[in-house]
PDB file of all heavy atoms in Angstrom:
ATOM      1  N   ILE A   1      34.682   2.372 -37.765  1.00  0.00           N
ATOM      2  CA  ILE A   1      34.240   3.189 -38.889  1.00  0.00           C
ATOM      3  C   ILE A   1      33.889   2.327 -40.092  1.00  0.00           C
ATOM      4  O   ILE A   1      32.850   2.520 -40.726  1.00  0.00           O
ATOM      5  CB  ILE A   1      35.312   4.243 -39.255  1.00  0.00           C
ATOM      6  CG1 ILE A   1      35.425   5.262 -38.128  1.00  0.00           C
ATOM      7  CG2 ILE A   1      34.984   4.927 -40.576  1.00  0.00           C
ATOM      8  CD1 ILE A   1      36.631   6.162 -38.232  1.00  0.00           C
ATOM      9  N   GLU A   2      34.748   1.373 -40.393  1.00  0.00           N
ATOM     10  CA  GLU A   2      34.486   0.477 -41.524  1.00  0.00           C
ATOM     11  C   GLU A   2      33.131  -0.211 -41.376  1.00  0.00           C
ATOM     12  O   GLU A   2      32.320  -0.228 -42.299  1.00  0.00           O
ATOM     13  CB  GLU A   2      35.598  -0.566 -41.625  1.00  0.00           C
ATOM     14  CG  GLU A   2      35.393  -1.560 -42.737  1.00  0.00           C
ATOM     15  CD  GLU A   2      36.467  -2.644 -42.774  1.00  0.00           C
ATOM     16  OE1 GLU A   2      37.604  -2.416 -42.313  1.00  0.00           O
ATOM     17  OE2 GLU A   2      36.146  -3.743 -43.269  1.00  0.00           O
ATOM     18  N   ASN A   3      32.878  -0.759 -40.215  1.00  0.00           N
ATOM     19  CA  ASN A   3      31.629  -1.487 -39.986  1.00  0.00           C
ATOM     20  C   ASN A   3      30.425  -0.561 -39.871  1.00  0.00           C
ATOM     21  O   ASN A   3      29.325  -0.900 -40.313  1.00  0.00           O
ATOM     22  CB  ASN A   3      31.762  -2.392 -38.770  1.00  0.00           C
ATOM     23  CG  ASN A   3      32.625  -3.582 -39.089  1.00  0.00           C
ATOM     24  OD1 ASN A   3      32.198  -4.501 -39.762  1.00  0.00           O
ATOM     25  ND2 ASN A   3      33.877  -3.550 -38.655  1.00  0.00           N
ATOM     26  N   PHE A   4      30.622   0.620 -39.292  1.00  0.00           N
ATOM     27  CA  PHE A   4      29.514   1.564 -39.207  1.00  0.00           C
ATOM     28  C   PHE A   4      29.054   2.006 -40.594  1.00  0.00           C
ATOM     29  O   PHE A   4      27.856   2.120 -40.850  1.00  0.00           O
ATOM     30  CB  PHE A   4      29.869   2.799 -38.368  1.00  0.00           C
ATOM     31  CG  PHE A   4      28.795   3.842 -38.458  1.00  0.00           C
ATOM     32  CD1 PHE A   4      27.588   3.644 -37.811  1.00  0.00           C
ATOM     33  CD2 PHE A   4      28.962   4.969 -39.235  1.00  0.00           C
ATOM     34  CE1 PHE A   4      26.552   4.573 -37.936  1.00  0.00           C
ATOM     35  CE2 PHE A   4      27.943   5.906 -39.370  1.00  0.00           C
ATOM     36  CZ  PHE A   4      26.732   5.714 -38.714  1.00  0.00           C
ATOM     37  N   LEU A   5      29.983   2.258 -41.498  1.00  0.00           N
ATOM     38  CA  LEU A   5      29.610   2.699 -42.839  1.00  0.00           C
ATOM     39  C   LEU A   5      28.774   1.646 -43.561  1.00  0.00           C
ATOM     40  O   LEU A   5      27.818   1.987 -44.267  1.00  0.00           O
ATOM     41  CB  LEU A   5      30.853   3.062 -43.649  1.00  0.00           C
ATOM     42  CG  LEU A   5      31.567   4.329 -43.175  1.00  0.00           C
ATOM     43  CD1 LEU A   5      32.902   4.472 -43.887  1.00  0.00           C
ATOM     44  CD2 LEU A   5      30.697   5.560 -43.371  1.00  0.00           C
ATOM     45  N   LEU A   6      29.106   0.399 -43.365  1.00  0.00           N
ATOM     46  CA  LEU A   6      28.307  -0.670 -43.951  1.00  0.00           C
ATOM     47  C   LEU A   6      26.901  -0.665 -43.340  1.00  0.00           C
ATOM     48  O   LEU A   6      25.896  -0.789 -44.042  1.00  0.00           O
ATOM     49  CB  LEU A   6      28.984  -2.019 -43.749  1.00  0.00           C
ATOM     50  CG  LEU A   6      28.358  -3.204 -44.452  1.00  0.00           C
ATOM     51  CD1 LEU A   6      28.315  -2.991 -45.970  1.00  0.00           C
ATOM     52  CD2 LEU A   6      29.129  -4.476 -44.129  1.00  0.00           C
ATOM     53  N   TYR A   7      26.831  -0.496 -42.031  1.00  0.00           N
ATOM     54  CA  TYR A   7      25.545  -0.405 -41.335  1.00  0.00           C
ATOM     55  C   TYR A   7      24.738   0.793 -41.851  1.00  0.00           C
ATOM     56  O   TYR A   7      23.539   0.677 -42.147  1.00  0.00           O
ATOM     57  CB  TYR A   7      25.789  -0.270 -39.826  1.00  0.00           C
ATOM     58  CG  TYR A   7      24.547  -0.086 -39.011  1.00  0.00           C
ATOM     59  CD1 TYR A   7      23.802  -1.186 -38.588  1.00  0.00           C
ATOM     60  CD2 TYR A   7      24.114   1.179 -38.638  1.00  0.00           C
ATOM     61  CE1 TYR A   7      22.653  -1.027 -37.822  1.00  0.00           C
ATOM     62  CE2 TYR A   7      22.971   1.355 -37.885  1.00  0.00           C
ATOM     63  CZ  TYR A   7      22.241   0.253 -37.472  1.00  0.00           C
ATOM     64  OH  TYR A   7      21.108   0.421 -36.726  1.00  0.00           O
ATOM     65  N   LEU A   8      25.393   1.950 -41.977  1.00  0.00           N
ATOM     66  CA  LEU A   8      24.712   3.157 -42.447  1.00  0.00           C
ATOM     67  C   LEU A   8      24.144   2.961 -43.842  1.00  0.00           C
ATOM     68  O   LEU A   8      23.039   3.440 -44.132  1.00  0.00           O
ATOM     69  CB  LEU A   8      25.684   4.345 -42.440  1.00  0.00           C
ATOM     70  CG  LEU A   8      25.150   5.664 -42.993  1.00  0.00           C
ATOM     71  CD1 LEU A   8      23.971   6.161 -42.142  1.00  0.00           C
ATOM     72  CD2 LEU A   8      26.263   6.703 -43.044  1.00  0.00           C
ATOM     73  N   SER A   9      24.860   2.244 -44.685  1.00  0.00           N
ATOM     74  CA  SER A   9      24.396   2.041 -46.061  1.00  0.00           C
ATOM     75  C   SER A   9      23.047   1.326 -46.102  1.00  0.00           C
ATOM     76  O   SER A   9      22.266   1.515 -47.034  1.00  0.00           O
ATOM     77  CB  SER A   9      25.432   1.270 -46.876  1.00  0.00           C
ATOM     78  OG  SER A   9      25.476  -0.101 -46.518  1.00  0.00           O
ATOM     79  N   LYS A  10      22.763   0.547 -45.090  1.00  0.00           N
ATOM     80  CA  LYS A  10      21.473  -0.147 -45.016  1.00  0.00           C
ATOM     81  C   LYS A  10      20.463   0.648 -44.185  1.00  0.00           C
ATOM     82  O   LYS A  10      19.290   0.764 -44.549  1.00  0.00           O
ATOM     83  CB  LYS A  10      21.672  -1.537 -44.411  1.00  0.00           C
ATOM     84  CG  LYS A  10      22.569  -2.417 -45.260  1.00  0.00           C
ATOM     85  CD  LYS A  10      22.962  -3.679 -44.539  1.00  0.00           C
ATOM     86  CE  LYS A  10      24.009  -4.430 -45.356  1.00  0.00           C
ATOM     87  NZ  LYS A  10      24.722  -5.409 -44.583  1.00  0.00           N
ATOM     88  N   ALA A  11      20.930   1.209 -43.082  1.00  0.00           N
ATOM     89  CA  ALA A  11      20.034   1.902 -42.151  1.00  0.00           C
ATOM     90  C   ALA A  11      19.430   3.167 -42.744  1.00  0.00           C
ATOM     91  O   ALA A  11      18.301   3.527 -42.403  1.00  0.00           O
ATOM     92  CB  ALA A  11      20.788   2.239 -40.860  1.00  0.00           C
ATOM     93  N   VAL A  12      20.144   3.829 -43.632  1.00  0.00           N
ATOM     94  CA  VAL A  12      19.646   5.092 -44.186  1.00  0.00           C
ATOM     95  C   VAL A  12      18.389   4.894 -45.027  1.00  0.00           C
ATOM     96  O   VAL A  12      17.605   5.825 -45.212  1.00  0.00           O
ATOM     97  CB  VAL A  12      20.754   5.816 -45.001  1.00  0.00           C
ATOM     98  CG1 VAL A  12      21.017   5.107 -46.330  1.00  0.00           C
ATOM     99  CG2 VAL A  12      20.397   7.273 -45.222  1.00  0.00           C
ATOM    100  N   LEU A  13      18.153   3.682 -45.481  1.00  0.00           N
ATOM    101  CA  LEU A  13      16.956   3.425 -46.288  1.00  0.00           C
ATOM    102  C   LEU A  13      15.693   3.319 -45.437  1.00  0.00           C
ATOM    103  O   LEU A  13      14.584   3.452 -45.952  1.00  0.00           O
ATOM    104  CB  LEU A  13      17.134   2.151 -47.112  1.00  0.00           C
ATOM    105  CG  LEU A  13      18.261   2.187 -48.149  1.00  0.00           C
ATOM    106  CD1 LEU A  13      18.360   0.854 -48.862  1.00  0.00           C
ATOM    107  CD2 LEU A  13      18.076   3.330 -49.134  1.00  0.00           C
ATOM    108  N   GLY A  14      15.858   3.096 -44.158  1.00  0.00           N
ATOM    109  CA  GLY A  14      14.707   2.937 -43.271  1.00  0.00           C
ATOM    110  C   GLY A  14      14.494   4.139 -42.375  1.00  0.00           C
ATOM    111  O   GLY A  14      15.059   5.211 -42.582  1.00  0.00           O
ATOM    112  N   SER A  15      13.682   3.940 -41.365  1.00  0.00           N
ATOM    113  CA  SER A  15      13.428   5.016 -40.414  1.00  0.00           C
ATOM    114  C   SER A  15      14.522   5.034 -39.349  1.00  0.00           C
ATOM    115  O   SER A  15      15.175   4.030 -39.084  1.00  0.00           O
ATOM    116  CB  SER A  15      12.055   4.848 -39.768  1.00  0.00           C
ATOM    117  OG  SER A  15      12.032   3.690 -38.967  1.00  0.00           O
ATOM    118  N   VAL A  16      14.701   6.204 -38.765  1.00  0.00           N
ATOM    119  CA  VAL A  16      15.625   6.393 -37.643  1.00  0.00           C
ATOM    120  C   VAL A  16      14.784   6.992 -36.527  1.00  0.00           C
ATOM    121  O   VAL A  16      14.447   8.175 -36.557  1.00  0.00           O
ATOM    122  CB  VAL A  16      16.803   7.329 -38.012  1.00  0.00           C
ATOM    123  CG1 VAL A  16      17.707   7.545 -36.819  1.00  0.00           C
ATOM    124  CG2 VAL A  16      17.578   6.795 -39.213  1.00  0.00           C
ATOM    125  N   GLN A  17      14.402   6.157 -35.586  1.00  0.00           N
ATOM    126  CA  GLN A  17      13.477   6.596 -34.544  1.00  0.00           C
ATOM    127  C   GLN A  17      14.178   7.392 -33.443  1.00  0.00           C
ATOM    128  O   GLN A  17      15.238   7.004 -32.958  1.00  0.00           O
ATOM    129  CB  GLN A  17      12.755   5.394 -33.939  1.00  0.00           C
ATOM    130  CG  GLN A  17      11.792   4.722 -34.899  1.00  0.00           C
ATOM    131  CD  GLN A  17      10.712   5.675 -35.387  1.00  0.00           C
ATOM    132  OE1 GLN A  17      10.068   6.379 -34.616  1.00  0.00           O
ATOM    133  NE2 GLN A  17      10.506   5.692 -36.701  1.00  0.00           N
ATOM    134  N   ASP A  18      13.557   8.500 -33.088  1.00  0.00           N
ATOM    135  CA  ASP A  18      14.055   9.353 -32.016  1.00  0.00           C
ATOM    136  C   ASP A  18      14.072   8.553 -30.720  1.00  0.00           C
ATOM    137  O   ASP A  18      13.048   8.029 -30.280  1.00  0.00           O
ATOM    138  CB  ASP A  18      13.140  10.571 -31.880  1.00  0.00           C
ATOM    139  CG  ASP A  18      13.561  11.531 -30.781  1.00  0.00           C
ATOM    140  OD1 ASP A  18      14.655  11.369 -30.214  1.00  0.00           O
ATOM    141  OD2 ASP A  18      12.772  12.460 -30.501  1.00  0.00           O
ATOM    142  N   ARG A  19      15.219   8.455 -30.097  1.00  0.00           N
ATOM    143  CA  ARG A  19      15.359   7.681 -28.864  1.00  0.00           C
ATOM    144  C   ARG A  19      14.603   8.317 -27.694  1.00  0.00           C
ATOM    145  O   ARG A  19      14.271   7.641 -26.734  1.00  0.00           O
ATOM    146  CB  ARG A  19      16.837   7.523 -28.497  1.00  0.00           C
ATOM    147  CG  ARG A  19      17.557   6.604 -29.456  1.00  0.00           C
ATOM    148  CD  ARG A  19      19.058   6.619 -29.205  1.00  0.00           C
ATOM    149  NE  ARG A  19      19.592   5.401 -29.779  1.00  0.00           N
ATOM    150  CZ  ARG A  19      20.065   4.385 -29.070  1.00  0.00           C
ATOM    151  NH1 ARG A  19      20.113   4.442 -27.760  1.00  0.00           N
ATOM    152  NH2 ARG A  19      20.505   3.308 -29.674  1.00  0.00           N
ATOM    153  N   LYS A  20      14.367   9.612 -27.785  1.00  0.00           N
ATOM    154  CA  LYS A  20      13.630  10.303 -26.731  1.00  0.00           C
ATOM    155  C   LYS A  20      12.122  10.161 -26.909  1.00  0.00           C
ATOM    156  O   LYS A  20      11.359  10.530 -26.026  1.00  0.00           O
ATOM    157  CB  LYS A  20      14.006  11.783 -26.721  1.00  0.00           C
ATOM    158  CG  LYS A  20      15.469  12.037 -26.404  1.00  0.00           C
ATOM    159  CD  LYS A  20      15.786  13.507 -26.535  1.00  0.00           C
ATOM    160  CE  LYS A  20      17.272  13.743 -26.425  1.00  0.00           C
ATOM    161  NZ  LYS A  20      17.633  15.127 -26.730  1.00  0.00           N
ATOM    162  N   GLY A  21      11.707   9.669 -28.072  1.00  0.00           N
ATOM    163  CA  GLY A  21      10.288   9.474 -28.334  1.00  0.00           C
ATOM    164  C   GLY A  21       9.522  10.755 -28.599  1.00  0.00           C
ATOM    165  O   GLY A  21       8.295  10.775 -28.523  1.00  0.00           O
ATOM    166  N   ILE A  22      10.222  11.819 -28.948  1.00  0.00           N
ATOM    167  CA  ILE A  22       9.565  13.111 -29.149  1.00  0.00           C
ATOM    168  C   ILE A  22       9.272  13.367 -30.636  1.00  0.00           C
ATOM    169  O   ILE A  22       8.175  13.760 -30.999  1.00  0.00           O
ATOM    170  CB  ILE A  22      10.433  14.257 -28.579  1.00  0.00           C
ATOM    171  CG1 ILE A  22      10.611  14.065 -27.074  1.00  0.00           C
ATOM    172  CG2 ILE A  22       9.832  15.623 -28.901  1.00  0.00           C
ATOM    173  CD1 ILE A  22      11.636  14.970 -26.441  1.00  0.00           C
ATOM    174  N   GLN A  23      10.272  13.121 -31.485  1.00  0.00           N
ATOM    175  CA  GLN A  23      10.161  13.507 -32.894  1.00  0.00           C
ATOM    176  C   GLN A  23       9.757  12.381 -33.835  1.00  0.00           C
ATOM    177  O   GLN A  23       9.512  12.618 -35.007  1.00  0.00           O
ATOM    178  CB  GLN A  23      11.497  14.090 -33.369  1.00  0.00           C
ATOM    179  CG  GLN A  23      11.895  15.355 -32.654  1.00  0.00           C
ATOM    180  CD  GLN A  23      13.225  15.895 -33.157  1.00  0.00           C
ATOM    181  OE1 GLN A  23      13.633  15.612 -34.268  1.00  0.00           O
ATOM    182  NE2 GLN A  23      13.884  16.671 -32.328  1.00  0.00           N
ATOM    183  N   GLY A  24       9.693  11.161 -33.374  1.00  0.00           N
ATOM    184  CA  GLY A  24       9.350  10.052 -34.266  1.00  0.00           C
ATOM    185  C   GLY A  24      10.499   9.727 -35.191  1.00  0.00           C
ATOM    186  O   GLY A  24      11.643   9.631 -34.766  1.00  0.00           O
ATOM    187  N   ASP A  25      10.214   9.611 -36.486  1.00  0.00           N
ATOM    188  CA  ASP A  25      11.234   9.269 -37.477  1.00  0.00           C
ATOM    189  C   ASP A  25      12.094  10.494 -37.783  1.00  0.00           C
ATOM    190  O   ASP A  25      11.600  11.513 -38.246  1.00  0.00           O
ATOM    191  CB  ASP A  25      10.578   8.745 -38.751  1.00  0.00           C
ATOM    192  CG  ASP A  25      11.573   8.229 -39.771  1.00  0.00           C
ATOM    193  OD1 ASP A  25      12.783   8.182 -39.475  1.00  0.00           O
ATOM    194  OD2 ASP A  25      11.137   7.863 -40.875  1.00  0.00           O
ATOM    195  N   LEU A  26      13.389  10.364 -37.535  1.00  0.00           N
ATOM    196  CA  LEU A  26      14.320  11.466 -37.770  1.00  0.00           C
ATOM    197  C   LEU A  26      14.830  11.503 -39.207  1.00  0.00           C
ATOM    198  O   LEU A  26      15.443  12.477 -39.623  1.00  0.00           O
ATOM    199  CB  LEU A  26      15.520  11.340 -36.825  1.00  0.00           C
ATOM    200  CG  LEU A  26      15.207  11.334 -35.338  1.00  0.00           C
ATOM    201  CD1 LEU A  26      16.446  10.984 -34.525  1.00  0.00           C
ATOM    202  CD2 LEU A  26      14.630  12.676 -34.904  1.00  0.00           C
ATOM    203  N   ASN A  27      14.566  10.445 -39.947  1.00  0.00           N
ATOM    204  CA  ASN A  27      15.036  10.357 -41.323  1.00  0.00           C
ATOM    205  C   ASN A  27      13.967  10.918 -42.257  1.00  0.00           C
ATOM    206  O   ASN A  27      13.100  10.205 -42.742  1.00  0.00           O
ATOM    207  CB  ASN A  27      15.380   8.909 -41.704  1.00  0.00           C
ATOM    208  CG  ASN A  27      16.066   8.811 -43.036  1.00  0.00           C
ATOM    209  OD1 ASN A  27      16.203   9.791 -43.752  1.00  0.00           O
ATOM    210  ND2 ASN A  27      16.496   7.615 -43.384  1.00  0.00           N
TER     211      ASN A  27
END
């Protein structure tokens, strides 16, 4: 959890690509 929150703090600024390739950027 500690490390994920640090990751999220950076990742939320970018795109979050749909792993199924259907919706594109989920953010």
